[in-house]
Amino acid sequence: MILQATFLFISGAEIAFILFIVIMVFGADKLPEIARGLGKGMRTLKDATNDIKHEITKTAEKNGIDTSITKDVKKELDKVKDDLDDFTGSVKRKF
């Protein structure tokens, strides 16, 4: 069974219709301003999220909480990947 990925369960035709309505309501000359405002808002949200993550990590390290678990997991995954590459190296098909 093949599942089609959709963005927020909206098809392409519905997105086109929404864009048409937005252009009709705000006008084509206002769209760049709206897009710029949305971009700035998303950038601010991303920066705030990164600041919060940084503060949580700094506080955890200050209180002696081990934050290196992701590094350990990545190291283990890399080792498994290297072992798998070594094992399948001679079996891989050349295209």
N, C-alpha and C. Protein backbone atom coordinates (compact mmCIF):
# COMPACT_ATOMS: atom_id res chain seq x y z
N MET A 1 0.84 -1.18 0.00
CA MET A 1 0.00 0.00 0.00
C MET A 1 0.89 1.24 0.00
N ILE A 2 0.68 2.12 -0.92
CA ILE A 2 1.47 3.33 -1.03
C ILE A 2 0.67 4.49 -0.45
N LEU A 3 1.29 5.16 0.52
CA LEU A 3 0.64 6.31 1.14
C LEU A 3 1.22 7.59 0.55
N GLN A 4 0.36 8.51 0.21
CA GLN A 4 0.81 9.77 -0.35
C GLN A 4 0.99 10.78 0.78
N ALA A 5 2.16 11.36 0.84
CA ALA A 5 2.44 12.36 1.87
C ALA A 5 1.81 13.69 1.45
N THR A 6 1.05 14.28 2.34
CA THR A 6 0.45 15.58 2.06
C THR A 6 0.81 16.53 3.18
N PHE A 7 0.93 17.79 2.84
CA PHE A 7 1.25 18.81 3.82
C PHE A 7 -0.03 19.26 4.50
N LEU A 8 -0.16 18.93 5.76
CA LEU A 8 -1.34 19.28 6.55
C LEU A 8 -2.63 18.77 5.92
N PHE A 9 -2.56 17.65 5.23
CA PHE A 9 -3.70 17.00 4.60
C PHE A 9 -4.36 17.92 3.58
N ILE A 10 -3.56 18.74 2.92
CA ILE A 10 -4.07 19.66 1.90
C ILE A 10 -3.44 19.28 0.56
N SER A 11 -4.27 19.15 -0.46
CA SER A 11 -3.74 18.78 -1.77
C SER A 11 -3.21 20.02 -2.50
N GLY A 12 -2.57 19.79 -3.63
CA GLY A 12 -2.02 20.89 -4.42
C GLY A 12 -3.08 21.85 -4.92
N ALA A 13 -4.23 21.32 -5.32
CA ALA A 13 -5.30 22.18 -5.81
C ALA A 13 -5.84 23.07 -4.68
N GLU A 14 -5.93 22.53 -3.49
CA GLU A 14 -6.42 23.32 -2.36
C GLU A 14 -5.43 24.42 -1.99
N ILE A 15 -4.13 24.10 -2.07
CA ILE A 15 -3.11 25.12 -1.79
C ILE A 15 -3.20 26.24 -2.83
N ALA A 16 -3.38 25.87 -4.10
CA ALA A 16 -3.51 26.87 -5.17
C ALA A 16 -4.74 27.75 -4.92
N PHE A 17 -5.83 27.15 -4.50
CA PHE A 17 -7.05 27.90 -4.22
C PHE A 17 -6.83 28.86 -3.05
N ILE A 18 -6.16 28.42 -2.02
CA ILE A 18 -5.88 29.28 -0.86
C ILE A 18 -4.99 30.45 -1.29
N LEU A 19 -3.96 30.17 -2.11
CA LEU A 19 -3.11 31.25 -2.60
C LEU A 19 -3.90 32.25 -3.43
N PHE A 20 -4.82 31.76 -4.25
CA PHE A 20 -5.68 32.63 -5.05
C PHE A 20 -6.50 33.55 -4.16
N ILE A 21 -7.08 32.99 -3.11
CA ILE A 21 -7.89 33.79 -2.18
C ILE A 21 -7.02 34.82 -1.47
N VAL A 22 -5.82 34.42 -1.06
CA VAL A 22 -4.90 35.35 -0.38
C VAL A 22 -4.55 36.50 -1.31
N ILE A 23 -4.28 36.21 -2.57
CA ILE A 23 -3.96 37.27 -3.54
C ILE A 23 -5.16 38.19 -3.73
N MET A 24 -6.35 37.62 -3.78
CA MET A 24 -7.55 38.43 -3.97
C MET A 24 -7.80 39.33 -2.75
N VAL A 25 -7.55 38.83 -1.55
CA VAL A 25 -7.83 39.60 -0.34
C VAL A 25 -6.77 40.68 -0.10
N PHE A 26 -5.49 40.29 -0.17
CA PHE A 26 -4.42 41.21 0.18
C PHE A 26 -3.82 41.94 -1.01
N GLY A 27 -3.95 41.39 -2.19
CA GLY A 27 -3.35 42.00 -3.37
C GLY A 27 -1.94 41.50 -3.58
N ALA A 28 -1.53 41.49 -4.84
CA ALA A 28 -0.22 40.95 -5.19
C ALA A 28 0.91 41.80 -4.64
N ASP A 29 0.68 43.10 -4.46
CA ASP A 29 1.75 43.97 -3.96
C ASP A 29 2.03 43.78 -2.47
N LYS A 30 1.08 43.24 -1.72
CA LYS A 30 1.28 43.01 -0.29
C LYS A 30 1.88 41.65 0.03
N LEU A 31 1.87 40.73 -0.92
CA LEU A 31 2.37 39.37 -0.64
C LEU A 31 3.84 39.34 -0.22
N PRO A 32 4.74 40.10 -0.87
CA PRO A 32 6.14 40.07 -0.40
C PRO A 32 6.30 40.55 1.04
N GLU A 33 5.52 41.57 1.43
CA GLU A 33 5.57 42.05 2.81
C GLU A 33 5.09 40.98 3.78
N ILE A 34 4.01 40.30 3.42
CA ILE A 34 3.47 39.24 4.28
C ILE A 34 4.48 38.10 4.41
N ALA A 35 5.08 37.71 3.28
CA ALA A 35 6.06 36.63 3.30
C ALA A 35 7.29 37.03 4.12
N ARG A 36 7.73 38.26 3.98
CA ARG A 36 8.88 38.76 4.74
C ARG A 36 8.57 38.73 6.23
N GLY A 37 7.38 39.16 6.60
CA GLY A 37 6.97 39.15 8.01
C GLY A 37 6.92 37.73 8.57
N LEU A 38 6.38 36.81 7.76
CA LEU A 38 6.34 35.41 8.21
C LEU A 38 7.74 34.85 8.35
N GLY A 39 8.63 35.20 7.43
CA GLY A 39 10.01 34.73 7.51
C GLY A 39 10.72 35.25 8.75
N LYS A 40 10.52 36.54 9.06
CA LYS A 40 11.12 37.11 10.26
C LYS A 40 10.56 36.45 11.52
N GLY A 41 9.27 36.20 11.51
CA GLY A 41 8.65 35.53 12.66
C GLY A 41 9.19 34.13 12.87
N MET A 42 9.35 33.40 11.77
CA MET A 42 9.88 32.04 11.89
C MET A 42 11.34 32.07 12.35
N ARG A 43 12.12 33.06 11.87
CA ARG A 43 13.51 33.19 12.29
C ARG A 43 13.58 33.50 13.79
N THR A 44 12.71 34.38 14.27
CA THR A 44 12.67 34.72 15.69
C THR A 44 12.31 33.49 16.52
N LEU A 45 11.35 32.72 16.05
CA LEU A 45 10.96 31.51 16.76
C LEU A 45 12.11 30.51 16.80
N LYS A 46 12.82 30.36 15.68
CA LYS A 46 13.95 29.42 15.64
C LYS A 46 15.06 29.88 16.58
N ASP A 47 15.36 31.17 16.58
CA ASP A 47 16.38 31.70 17.48
C ASP A 47 16.01 31.49 18.94
N ALA A 48 14.74 31.73 19.27
CA ALA A 48 14.29 31.54 20.64
C ALA A 48 14.39 30.07 21.05
N THR A 49 14.04 29.18 20.14
CA THR A 49 14.15 27.74 20.43
C THR A 49 15.60 27.34 20.65
N ASN A 50 16.51 27.86 19.82
CA ASN A 50 17.93 27.55 19.99
C ASN A 50 18.45 28.10 21.31
N ASP A 51 18.01 29.31 21.70
CA ASP A 51 18.43 29.88 22.98
C ASP A 51 17.95 29.02 24.15
N ILE A 52 16.72 28.54 24.07
CA ILE A 52 16.18 27.69 25.14
C ILE A 52 16.96 26.39 25.22
N LYS A 53 17.25 25.78 24.07
CA LYS A 53 18.04 24.53 24.07
C LYS A 53 19.42 24.77 24.67
N HIS A 54 20.03 25.90 24.31
CA HIS A 54 21.36 26.21 24.83
C HIS A 54 21.32 26.39 26.35
N GLU A 55 20.32 27.10 26.84
CA GLU A 55 20.18 27.31 28.28
C GLU A 55 19.94 26.00 29.03
N ILE A 56 19.12 25.13 28.47
CA ILE A 56 18.85 23.83 29.11
C ILE A 56 20.12 23.01 29.16
N THR A 57 20.87 22.99 28.06
CA THR A 57 22.12 22.23 28.02
C THR A 57 23.12 22.79 29.01
N LYS A 58 23.25 24.12 29.06
CA LYS A 58 24.19 24.76 29.97
C LYS A 58 23.83 24.48 31.43
N THR A 59 22.55 24.56 31.75
CA THR A 59 22.10 24.30 33.11
C THR A 59 22.30 22.84 33.49
N ALA A 60 22.04 21.94 32.55
CA ALA A 60 22.22 20.51 32.83
C ALA A 60 23.69 20.20 33.08
N GLU A 61 24.57 20.78 32.27
CA GLU A 61 26.01 20.55 32.48
C GLU A 61 26.48 21.17 33.79
N LYS A 62 25.93 22.31 34.15
CA LYS A 62 26.28 22.99 35.40
C LYS A 62 25.88 22.15 36.61
N ASN A 63 24.75 21.45 36.50
CA ASN A 63 24.25 20.63 37.61
C ASN A 63 24.75 19.20 37.55
N GLY A 64 25.64 18.90 36.62
CA GLY A 64 26.24 17.58 36.55
C GLY A 64 25.39 16.52 35.87
N ILE A 65 24.42 16.94 35.09
CA ILE A 65 23.58 15.98 34.36
C ILE A 65 24.28 15.64 33.05
N ASP A 66 24.36 14.36 32.75
CA ASP A 66 25.06 13.91 31.54
C ASP A 66 24.22 14.22 30.31
N THR A 67 24.76 15.07 29.43
CA THR A 67 24.06 15.44 28.21
C THR A 67 24.69 14.81 26.98
N SER A 68 25.64 13.91 27.19
CA SER A 68 26.37 13.34 26.05
C SER A 68 25.73 12.06 25.52
N ILE A 69 24.51 11.74 25.93
CA ILE A 69 23.89 10.50 25.50
C ILE A 69 23.69 10.48 23.98
N THR A 70 23.37 11.61 23.39
CA THR A 70 23.19 11.63 21.95
C THR A 70 24.51 11.40 21.23
N LYS A 71 25.58 11.93 21.80
CA LYS A 71 26.90 11.69 21.20
C LYS A 71 27.26 10.21 21.28
N ASP A 72 26.95 9.58 22.42
CA ASP A 72 27.23 8.16 22.59
C ASP A 72 26.43 7.32 21.60
N VAL A 73 25.17 7.66 21.43
CA VAL A 73 24.31 6.91 20.50
C VAL A 73 24.83 7.09 19.08
N LYS A 74 25.22 8.31 18.72
CA LYS A 74 25.75 8.55 17.38
C LYS A 74 27.04 7.76 17.15
N LYS A 75 27.90 7.69 18.16
CA LYS A 75 29.14 6.91 18.04
C LYS A 75 28.83 5.44 17.79
N GLU A 76 27.89 4.90 18.54
CA GLU A 76 27.51 3.48 18.38
C GLU A 76 26.92 3.24 17.00
N LEU A 77 26.07 4.14 16.54
CA LEU A 77 25.48 3.99 15.22
C LEU A 77 26.54 4.06 14.13
N ASP A 78 27.51 4.96 14.30
CA ASP A 78 28.60 5.04 13.33
C ASP A 78 29.43 3.76 13.30
N LYS A 79 29.66 3.17 14.48
CA LYS A 79 30.41 1.91 14.53
C LYS A 79 29.65 0.80 13.81
N VAL A 80 28.36 0.71 14.06
CA VAL A 80 27.54 -0.31 13.40
C VAL A 80 27.54 -0.09 11.89
N LYS A 81 27.42 1.17 11.47
CA LYS A 81 27.44 1.49 10.04
C LYS A 81 28.77 1.09 9.41
N ASP A 82 29.88 1.39 10.09
CA ASP A 82 31.19 1.01 9.56
C ASP A 82 31.33 -0.50 9.47
N ASP A 83 30.87 -1.20 10.52
CA ASP A 83 30.93 -2.67 10.50
C ASP A 83 30.09 -3.23 9.37
N LEU A 84 28.93 -2.66 9.15
CA LEU A 84 28.05 -3.11 8.08
C LEU A 84 28.68 -2.83 6.72
N ASP A 85 29.31 -1.67 6.57
CA ASP A 85 30.00 -1.35 5.32
C ASP A 85 31.15 -2.33 5.07
N ASP A 86 31.89 -2.68 6.12
CA ASP A 86 32.97 -3.65 5.97
C ASP A 86 32.43 -5.01 5.56
N PHE A 87 31.31 -5.41 6.17
CA PHE A 87 30.72 -6.72 5.89
C PHE A 87 30.15 -6.80 4.48
N THR A 88 29.48 -5.73 4.06
CA THR A 88 28.82 -5.77 2.75
C THR A 88 29.68 -5.21 1.63
N GLY A 89 30.89 -4.80 1.93
CA GLY A 89 31.76 -4.19 0.93
C GLY A 89 31.97 -5.05 -0.30
N SER A 90 32.22 -6.34 -0.09
CA SER A 90 32.47 -7.21 -1.22
C SER A 90 31.19 -7.68 -1.91
N VAL A 91 30.04 -7.48 -1.25
CA VAL A 91 28.78 -7.95 -1.79
C VAL A 91 28.08 -6.88 -2.61
N LYS A 92 28.40 -5.61 -2.37
CA LYS A 92 27.72 -4.51 -3.06
C LYS A 92 27.84 -4.62 -4.57
N ARG A 93 26.75 -4.26 -5.23
CA ARG A 93 26.77 -4.26 -6.69
C ARG A 93 27.35 -2.94 -7.17
N LYS A 94 28.11 -3.02 -8.22
CA LYS A 94 28.67 -1.82 -8.84
C LYS A 94 27.77 -1.42 -10.01
N PHE A 95 27.37 -0.18 -10.05
CA PHE A 95 26.52 0.30 -11.14
C PHE A 95 27.32 1.10 -12.11
